[in-house]
Amino acid sequence: MKKIFFAAGLAAFALVLANLAVDHSTTDTAFQSPESSGQTTPENTNNLAIATFAGGCFWCIESTFEKLEGVSNAISGYSG
């Protein structure tokens, strides 16, 4: 019985390590400035508003919001 738990724990640990080694292409855009990513900043910044959203995988959420028309900037991070 102990061997089964050890094998299951070892398999779970191997999966975590494999996930860390995978290239997550969505995180590559998180560290680019607007100039290097092809985004432009709006001329008139008086009508801008800030919206705060919560999500599980925040890099995936960030890349989705950056594709929306009218979004000038999306920043990921922790709160709390």
PDB file of N, CA and C in Angstrom:
ATOM      1  N   MET A   1       0.816  -1.187   0.000  1.00  0.00           N
ATOM      2  CA  MET A   1       0.000   0.000   0.000  1.00  0.00           C
ATOM      3  C   MET A   1       0.865   1.258   0.000  1.00  0.00           C
ATOM      4  N   LYS A   2       1.977   1.219   0.768  1.00  0.00           N
ATOM      5  CA  LYS A   2       2.869   2.367   0.809  1.00  0.00           C
ATOM      6  C   LYS A   2       3.509   2.617  -0.553  1.00  0.00           C
ATOM      7  N   LYS A   3       3.767   1.536  -1.292  1.00  0.00           N
ATOM      8  CA  LYS A   3       4.377   1.681  -2.614  1.00  0.00           C
ATOM      9  C   LYS A   3       3.436   2.394  -3.577  1.00  0.00           C
ATOM     10  N   ILE A   4       2.134   2.144  -3.449  1.00  0.00           N
ATOM     11  CA  ILE A   4       1.155   2.794  -4.328  1.00  0.00           C
ATOM     12  C   ILE A   4       1.123   4.296  -4.058  1.00  0.00           C
ATOM     13  N   PHE A   5       1.093   4.680  -2.765  1.00  0.00           N
ATOM     14  CA  PHE A   5       1.089   6.098  -2.428  1.00  0.00           C
ATOM     15  C   PHE A   5       2.386   6.778  -2.858  1.00  0.00           C
ATOM     16  N   PHE A   6       3.495   6.095  -2.691  1.00  0.00           N
ATOM     17  CA  PHE A   6       4.774   6.653  -3.118  1.00  0.00           C
ATOM     18  C   PHE A   6       4.800   6.850  -4.630  1.00  0.00           C
ATOM     19  N   ALA A   7       4.314   5.865  -5.371  1.00  0.00           N
ATOM     20  CA  ALA A   7       4.288   5.963  -6.835  1.00  0.00           C
ATOM     21  C   ALA A   7       3.346   7.075  -7.294  1.00  0.00           C
ATOM     22  N   ALA A   8       2.201   7.212  -6.633  1.00  0.00           N
ATOM     23  CA  ALA A   8       1.258   8.276  -6.993  1.00  0.00           C
ATOM     24  C   ALA A   8       1.853   9.648  -6.695  1.00  0.00           C
ATOM     25  N   GLY A   9       2.512   9.779  -5.566  1.00  0.00           N
ATOM     26  CA  GLY A   9       3.159  11.043  -5.217  1.00  0.00           C
ATOM     27  C   GLY A   9       4.285  11.385  -6.172  1.00  0.00           C
ATOM     28  N   LEU A  10       5.054  10.391  -6.547  1.00  0.00           N
ATOM     29  CA  LEU A  10       6.145  10.597  -7.495  1.00  0.00           C
ATOM     30  C   LEU A  10       5.609  11.006  -8.866  1.00  0.00           C
ATOM     31  N   ALA A  11       4.513  10.389  -9.287  1.00  0.00           N
ATOM     32  CA  ALA A  11       3.903  10.740 -10.572  1.00  0.00           C
ATOM     33  C   ALA A  11       3.361  12.167 -10.545  1.00  0.00           C
ATOM     34  N   ALA A  12       2.738  12.559  -9.445  1.00  0.00           N
ATOM     35  CA  ALA A  12       2.222  13.924  -9.325  1.00  0.00           C
ATOM     36  C   ALA A  12       3.364  14.933  -9.356  1.00  0.00           C
ATOM     37  N   PHE A  13       4.447  14.629  -8.666  1.00  0.00           N
ATOM     38  CA  PHE A  13       5.611  15.511  -8.662  1.00  0.00           C
ATOM     39  C   PHE A  13       6.206  15.642 -10.064  1.00  0.00           C
ATOM     40  N   ALA A  14       6.264  14.541 -10.794  1.00  0.00           N
ATOM     41  CA  ALA A  14       6.789  14.565 -12.163  1.00  0.00           C
ATOM     42  C   ALA A  14       5.901  15.411 -13.071  1.00  0.00           C
ATOM     43  N   LEU A  15       4.589  15.338 -12.884  1.00  0.00           N
ATOM     44  CA  LEU A  15       3.676  16.163 -13.684  1.00  0.00           C
ATOM     45  C   LEU A  15       3.863  17.650 -13.395  1.00  0.00           C
ATOM     46  N   VAL A  16       4.072  17.997 -12.138  1.00  0.00           N
ATOM     47  CA  VAL A  16       4.315  19.399 -11.787  1.00  0.00           C
ATOM     48  C   VAL A  16       5.603  19.885 -12.435  1.00  0.00           C
ATOM     49  N   LEU A  17       6.652  19.104 -12.367  1.00  0.00           N
ATOM     50  CA  LEU A  17       7.922  19.486 -12.993  1.00  0.00           C
ATOM     51  C   LEU A  17       7.784  19.609 -14.506  1.00  0.00           C
ATOM     52  N   ALA A  18       7.039  18.707 -15.127  1.00  0.00           N
ATOM     53  CA  ALA A  18       6.836  18.773 -16.576  1.00  0.00           C
ATOM     54  C   ALA A  18       6.065  20.028 -16.956  1.00  0.00           C
ATOM     55  N   ASN A  19       5.083  20.407 -16.157  1.00  0.00           N
ATOM     56  CA  ASN A  19       4.315  21.619 -16.433  1.00  0.00           C
ATOM     57  C   ASN A  19       5.189  22.862 -16.319  1.00  0.00           C
ATOM     58  N   LEU A  20       6.105  22.875 -15.382  1.00  0.00           N
ATOM     59  CA  LEU A  20       7.004  24.017 -15.232  1.00  0.00           C
ATOM     60  C   LEU A  20       7.979  24.126 -16.398  1.00  0.00           C
ATOM     61  N   ALA A  21       8.314  23.020 -17.006  1.00  0.00           N
ATOM     62  CA  ALA A  21       9.276  23.010 -18.102  1.00  0.00           C
ATOM     63  C   ALA A  21       8.652  23.374 -19.441  1.00  0.00           C
ATOM     64  N   VAL A  22       7.330  23.341 -19.541  1.00  0.00           N
ATOM     65  CA  VAL A  22       6.641  23.620 -20.803  1.00  0.00           C
ATOM     66  C   VAL A  22       6.724  25.107 -21.115  1.00  0.00           C
ATOM     67  N   ASP A  23       6.935  25.423 -22.386  1.00  0.00           N
ATOM     68  CA  ASP A  23       6.979  26.815 -22.826  1.00  0.00           C
ATOM     69  C   ASP A  23       5.553  27.339 -22.944  1.00  0.00           C
ATOM     70  N   HIS A  24       5.187  28.268 -22.085  1.00  0.00           N
ATOM     71  CA  HIS A  24       3.858  28.876 -22.133  1.00  0.00           C
ATOM     72  C   HIS A  24       3.958  30.134 -22.985  1.00  0.00           C
ATOM     73  N   SER A  25       3.564  30.036 -24.240  1.00  0.00           N
ATOM     74  CA  SER A  25       3.740  31.141 -25.177  1.00  0.00           C
ATOM     75  C   SER A  25       2.905  32.353 -24.807  1.00  0.00           C
ATOM     76  N   THR A  26       1.828  32.200 -24.051  1.00  0.00           N
ATOM     77  CA  THR A  26       1.019  33.358 -23.677  1.00  0.00           C
ATOM     78  C   THR A  26       1.740  34.236 -22.668  1.00  0.00           C
ATOM     79  N   THR A  27       2.688  33.695 -21.923  1.00  0.00           N
ATOM     80  CA  THR A  27       3.399  34.511 -20.951  1.00  0.00           C
ATOM     81  C   THR A  27       4.477  35.356 -21.610  1.00  0.00           C
ATOM     82  N   ASP A  28       4.859  35.037 -22.827  1.00  0.00           N
ATOM     83  CA  ASP A  28       5.901  35.809 -23.500  1.00  0.00           C
ATOM     84  C   ASP A  28       5.455  37.239 -23.749  1.00  0.00           C
ATOM     85  N   THR A  29       4.187  37.483 -24.008  1.00  0.00           N
ATOM     86  CA  THR A  29       3.708  38.834 -24.290  1.00  0.00           C
ATOM     87  C   THR A  29       3.533  39.650 -23.022  1.00  0.00           C
ATOM     88  N   ALA A  30       3.529  39.024 -21.868  1.00  0.00           N
ATOM     89  CA  ALA A  30       3.304  39.750 -20.626  1.00  0.00           C
ATOM     90  C   ALA A  30       4.462  40.679 -20.289  1.00  0.00           C
ATOM     91  N   PHE A  31       5.640  40.423 -20.824  1.00  0.00           N
ATOM     92  CA  PHE A  31       6.806  41.208 -20.473  1.00  0.00           C
ATOM     93  C   PHE A  31       7.261  42.137 -21.592  1.00  0.00           C
ATOM     94  N   GLN A  32       6.429  42.354 -22.593  1.00  0.00           N
ATOM     95  CA  GLN A  32       6.777  43.245 -23.684  1.00  0.00           C
ATOM     96  C   GLN A  32       6.150  44.609 -23.454  1.00  0.00           C
ATOM     97  N   SER A  33       6.877  45.635 -23.834  1.00  0.00           N
ATOM     98  CA  SER A  33       6.307  46.975 -23.757  1.00  0.00           C
ATOM     99  C   SER A  33       5.338  47.172 -24.912  1.00  0.00           C
ATOM    100  N   PRO A  34       4.419  48.137 -24.820  1.00  0.00           N
ATOM    101  CA  PRO A  34       3.482  48.367 -25.925  1.00  0.00           C
ATOM    102  C   PRO A  34       4.180  48.661 -27.244  1.00  0.00           C
ATOM    103  N   GLU A  35       5.345  49.297 -27.200  1.00  0.00           N
ATOM    104  CA  GLU A  35       6.063  49.615 -28.430  1.00  0.00           C
ATOM    105  C   GLU A  35       6.548  48.346 -29.126  1.00  0.00           C
ATOM    106  N   SER A  36       7.027  47.381 -28.356  1.00  0.00           N
ATOM    107  CA  SER A  36       7.561  46.169 -28.967  1.00  0.00           C
ATOM    108  C   SER A  36       6.476  45.174 -29.355  1.00  0.00           C
ATOM    109  N   SER A  37       5.280  45.294 -28.775  1.00  0.00           N
ATOM    110  CA  SER A  37       4.218  44.347 -29.100  1.00  0.00           C
ATOM    111  C   SER A  37       3.310  44.853 -30.208  1.00  0.00           C
ATOM    112  N   GLY A  38       3.554  46.057 -30.722  1.00  0.00           N
ATOM    113  CA  GLY A  38       2.752  46.584 -31.811  1.00  0.00           C
ATOM    114  C   GLY A  38       1.520  47.334 -31.345  1.00  0.00           C
ATOM    115  N   GLN A  39       1.299  47.446 -30.039  1.00  0.00           N
ATOM    116  CA  GLN A  39       0.151  48.178 -29.528  1.00  0.00           C
ATOM    117  C   GLN A  39       0.440  49.668 -29.568  1.00  0.00           C
ATOM    118  N   THR A  40      -0.600  50.440 -29.752  1.00  0.00           N
ATOM    119  CA  THR A  40      -0.451  51.889 -29.732  1.00  0.00           C
ATOM    120  C   THR A  40      -1.214  52.446 -28.548  1.00  0.00           C
ATOM    121  N   THR A  41      -0.719  53.542 -28.016  1.00  0.00           N
ATOM    122  CA  THR A  41      -1.408  54.191 -26.910  1.00  0.00           C
ATOM    123  C   THR A  41      -2.352  55.240 -27.472  1.00  0.00           C
ATOM    124  N   PRO A  42      -3.483  55.466 -26.833  1.00  0.00           N
ATOM    125  CA  PRO A  42      -4.445  56.435 -27.351  1.00  0.00           C
ATOM    126  C   PRO A  42      -3.921  57.860 -27.238  1.00  0.00           C
ATOM    127  N   GLU A  43      -4.355  58.715 -28.167  1.00  0.00           N
ATOM    128  CA  GLU A  43      -3.946  60.120 -28.152  1.00  0.00           C
ATOM    129  C   GLU A  43      -4.584  60.852 -26.972  1.00  0.00           C
ATOM    130  N   ASN A  44      -5.883  60.649 -26.768  1.00  0.00           N
ATOM    131  CA  ASN A  44      -6.612  61.336 -25.715  1.00  0.00           C
ATOM    132  C   ASN A  44      -6.811  60.378 -24.548  1.00  0.00           C
ATOM    133  N   THR A  45      -6.143  60.642 -23.442  1.00  0.00           N
ATOM    134  CA  THR A  45      -6.241  59.754 -22.288  1.00  0.00           C
ATOM    135  C   THR A  45      -7.255  60.248 -21.264  1.00  0.00           C
ATOM    136  N   ASN A  46      -7.999  61.317 -21.570  1.00  0.00           N
ATOM    137  CA  ASN A  46      -8.972  61.855 -20.621  1.00  0.00           C
ATOM    138  C   ASN A  46     -10.166  60.927 -20.417  1.00  0.00           C
ATOM    139  N   ASN A  47     -10.533  60.152 -21.422  1.00  0.00           N
ATOM    140  CA  ASN A  47     -11.723  59.312 -21.342  1.00  0.00           C
ATOM    141  C   ASN A  47     -11.413  57.872 -20.941  1.00  0.00           C
ATOM    142  N   LEU A  48     -10.243  57.623 -20.411  1.00  0.00           N
ATOM    143  CA  LEU A  48      -9.884  56.265 -20.004  1.00  0.00           C
ATOM    144  C   LEU A  48     -10.453  55.950 -18.625  1.00  0.00           C
ATOM    145  N   ALA A  49     -10.781  54.696 -18.418  1.00  0.00           N
ATOM    146  CA  ALA A  49     -11.256  54.223 -17.117  1.00  0.00           C
ATOM    147  C   ALA A  49     -10.476  52.968 -16.751  1.00  0.00           C
ATOM    148  N   ILE A  50     -10.434  52.675 -15.474  1.00  0.00           N
ATOM    149  CA  ILE A  50      -9.735  51.485 -14.988  1.00  0.00           C
ATOM    150  C   ILE A  50     -10.773  50.444 -14.593  1.00  0.00           C
ATOM    151  N   ALA A  51     -10.555  49.229 -15.030  1.00  0.00           N
ATOM    152  CA  ALA A  51     -11.422  48.106 -14.657  1.00  0.00           C
ATOM    153  C   ALA A  51     -10.550  47.022 -14.044  1.00  0.00           C
ATOM    154  N   THR A  52     -11.007  46.413 -12.969  1.00  0.00           N
ATOM    155  CA  THR A  52     -10.266  45.360 -12.290  1.00  0.00           C
ATOM    156  C   THR A  52     -11.056  44.061 -12.379  1.00  0.00           C
ATOM    157  N   PHE A  53     -10.394  43.006 -12.826  1.00  0.00           N
ATOM    158  CA  PHE A  53     -11.018  41.697 -12.982  1.00  0.00           C
ATOM    159  C   PHE A  53     -10.199  40.663 -12.228  1.00  0.00           C
ATOM    160  N   ALA A  54     -10.838  39.601 -11.823  1.00  0.00           N
ATOM    161  CA  ALA A  54     -10.155  38.483 -11.175  1.00  0.00           C
ATOM    162  C   ALA A  54     -10.262  37.257 -12.074  1.00  0.00           C
ATOM    163  N   GLY A  55      -9.179  36.504 -12.141  1.00  0.00           N
ATOM    164  CA  GLY A  55      -9.187  35.293 -12.965  1.00  0.00           C
ATOM    165  C   GLY A  55      -8.188  34.291 -12.423  1.00  0.00           C
ATOM    166  N   GLY A  56      -8.337  33.060 -12.813  1.00  0.00           N
ATOM    167  CA  GLY A  56      -7.445  32.009 -12.329  1.00  0.00           C
ATOM    168  C   GLY A  56      -6.056  32.112 -12.932  1.00  0.00           C
ATOM    169  N   CYS A  57      -5.935  31.895 -14.213  1.00  0.00           N
ATOM    170  CA  CYS A  57      -4.653  31.980 -14.908  1.00  0.00           C
ATOM    171  C   CYS A  57      -4.541  33.381 -15.486  1.00  0.00           C
ATOM    172  N   PHE A  58      -3.917  34.303 -14.750  1.00  0.00           N
ATOM    173  CA  PHE A  58      -4.014  35.700 -15.154  1.00  0.00           C
ATOM    174  C   PHE A  58      -3.260  36.040 -16.420  1.00  0.00           C
ATOM    175  N   TRP A  59      -2.266  35.255 -16.829  1.00  0.00           N
ATOM    176  CA  TRP A  59      -1.612  35.541 -18.109  1.00  0.00           C
ATOM    177  C   TRP A  59      -2.562  35.250 -19.269  1.00  0.00           C
ATOM    178  N   CYS A  60      -3.356  34.219 -19.130  1.00  0.00           N
ATOM    179  CA  CYS A  60      -4.346  33.914 -20.181  1.00  0.00           C
ATOM    180  C   CYS A  60      -5.414  34.994 -20.237  1.00  0.00           C
ATOM    181  N   ILE A  61      -5.824  35.492 -19.090  1.00  0.00           N
ATOM    182  CA  ILE A  61      -6.818  36.566 -19.043  1.00  0.00           C
ATOM    183  C   ILE A  61      -6.232  37.829 -19.668  1.00  0.00           C
ATOM    184  N   GLU A  62      -4.981  38.139 -19.361  1.00  0.00           N
ATOM    185  CA  GLU A  62      -4.340  39.347 -19.887  1.00  0.00           C
ATOM    186  C   GLU A  62      -4.287  39.329 -21.409  1.00  0.00           C
ATOM    187  N   SER A  63      -3.874  38.231 -21.987  1.00  0.00           N
ATOM    188  CA  SER A  63      -3.761  38.166 -23.446  1.00  0.00           C
ATOM    189  C   SER A  63      -5.126  38.281 -24.110  1.00  0.00           C
ATOM    190  N   THR A  64      -6.169  37.792 -23.456  1.00  0.00           N
ATOM    191  CA  THR A  64      -7.524  37.919 -24.002  1.00  0.00           C
ATOM    192  C   THR A  64      -7.969  39.371 -23.993  1.00  0.00           C
ATOM    193  N   PHE A  65      -7.739  40.078 -22.892  1.00  0.00           N
ATOM    194  CA  PHE A  65      -8.141  41.478 -22.817  1.00  0.00           C
ATOM    195  C   PHE A  65      -7.332  42.355 -23.764  1.00  0.00           C
ATOM    196  N   GLU A  66      -6.058  42.043 -23.979  1.00  0.00           N
ATOM    197  CA  GLU A  66      -5.231  42.846 -24.882  1.00  0.00           C
ATOM    198  C   GLU A  66      -5.732  42.796 -26.320  1.00  0.00           C
ATOM    199  N   LYS A  67      -6.476  41.766 -26.684  1.00  0.00           N
ATOM    200  CA  LYS A  67      -7.003  41.632 -28.043  1.00  0.00           C
ATOM    201  C   LYS A  67      -8.298  42.415 -28.248  1.00  0.00           C
ATOM    202  N   LEU A  68      -8.917  42.894 -27.174  1.00  0.00           N
ATOM    203  CA  LEU A  68     -10.196  43.591 -27.279  1.00  0.00           C
ATOM    204  C   LEU A  68     -10.010  45.031 -27.737  1.00  0.00           C
ATOM    205  N   GLU A  69     -10.902  45.473 -28.601  1.00  0.00           N
ATOM    206  CA  GLU A  69     -10.872  46.858 -29.063  1.00  0.00           C
ATOM    207  C   GLU A  69     -11.237  47.768 -27.897  1.00  0.00           C
ATOM    208  N   GLY A  70     -10.493  48.845 -27.735  1.00  0.00           N
ATOM    209  CA  GLY A  70     -10.749  49.797 -26.665  1.00  0.00           C
ATOM    210  C   GLY A  70      -9.905  49.575 -25.424  1.00  0.00           C
ATOM    211  N   VAL A  71      -9.228  48.445 -25.324  1.00  0.00           N
ATOM    212  CA  VAL A  71      -8.354  48.182 -24.180  1.00  0.00           C
ATOM    213  C   VAL A  71      -6.979  48.738 -24.515  1.00  0.00           C
ATOM    214  N   SER A  72      -6.509  49.693 -23.705  1.00  0.00           N
ATOM    215  CA  SER A  72      -5.213  50.302 -23.987  1.00  0.00           C
ATOM    216  C   SER A  72      -4.074  49.583 -23.281  1.00  0.00           C
ATOM    217  N   ASN A  73      -4.365  48.899 -22.163  1.00  0.00           N
ATOM    218  CA  ASN A  73      -3.310  48.227 -21.423  1.00  0.00           C
ATOM    219  C   ASN A  73      -3.940  47.163 -20.527  1.00  0.00           C
ATOM    220  N   ALA A  74      -3.272  46.054 -20.373  1.00  0.00           N
ATOM    221  CA  ALA A  74      -3.709  44.998 -19.460  1.00  0.00           C
ATOM    222  C   ALA A  74      -2.506  44.567 -18.641  1.00  0.00           C
ATOM    223  N   ILE A  75      -2.655  44.562 -17.332  1.00  0.00           N
ATOM    224  CA  ILE A  75      -1.556  44.225 -16.432  1.00  0.00           C
ATOM    225  C   ILE A  75      -2.001  43.083 -15.528  1.00  0.00           C
ATOM    226  N   SER A  76      -1.173  42.062 -15.405  1.00  0.00           N
ATOM    227  CA  SER A  76      -1.466  40.924 -14.531  1.00  0.00           C
ATOM    228  C   SER A  76      -0.721  41.075 -13.223  1.00  0.00           C
ATOM    229  N   GLY A  77      -1.277  40.519 -12.167  1.00  0.00           N
ATOM    230  CA  GLY A  77      -0.586  40.552 -10.892  1.00  0.00           C
ATOM    231  C   GLY A  77      -1.423  39.953  -9.783  1.00  0.00           C
ATOM    232  N   TYR A  78      -0.838  39.926  -8.600  1.00  0.00           N
ATOM    233  CA  TYR A  78      -1.507  39.383  -7.424  1.00  0.00           C
ATOM    234  C   TYR A  78      -2.125  40.512  -6.613  1.00  0.00           C
ATOM    235  N   SER A  79      -3.124  40.185  -5.839  1.00  0.00           N
ATOM    236  CA  SER A  79      -3.737  41.144  -4.927  1.00  0.00           C
ATOM    237  C   SER A  79      -3.892  40.474  -3.574  1.00  0.00           C
ATOM    238  N   GLY A  80      -3.528  41.192  -2.554  1.00  0.00           N
ATOM    239  CA  GLY A  80      -3.742  40.646  -1.213  1.00  0.00           C
ATOM    240  C   GLY A  80      -2.531  40.067  -0.586  1.00  0.00           C
TER     241      GLY A  80
END
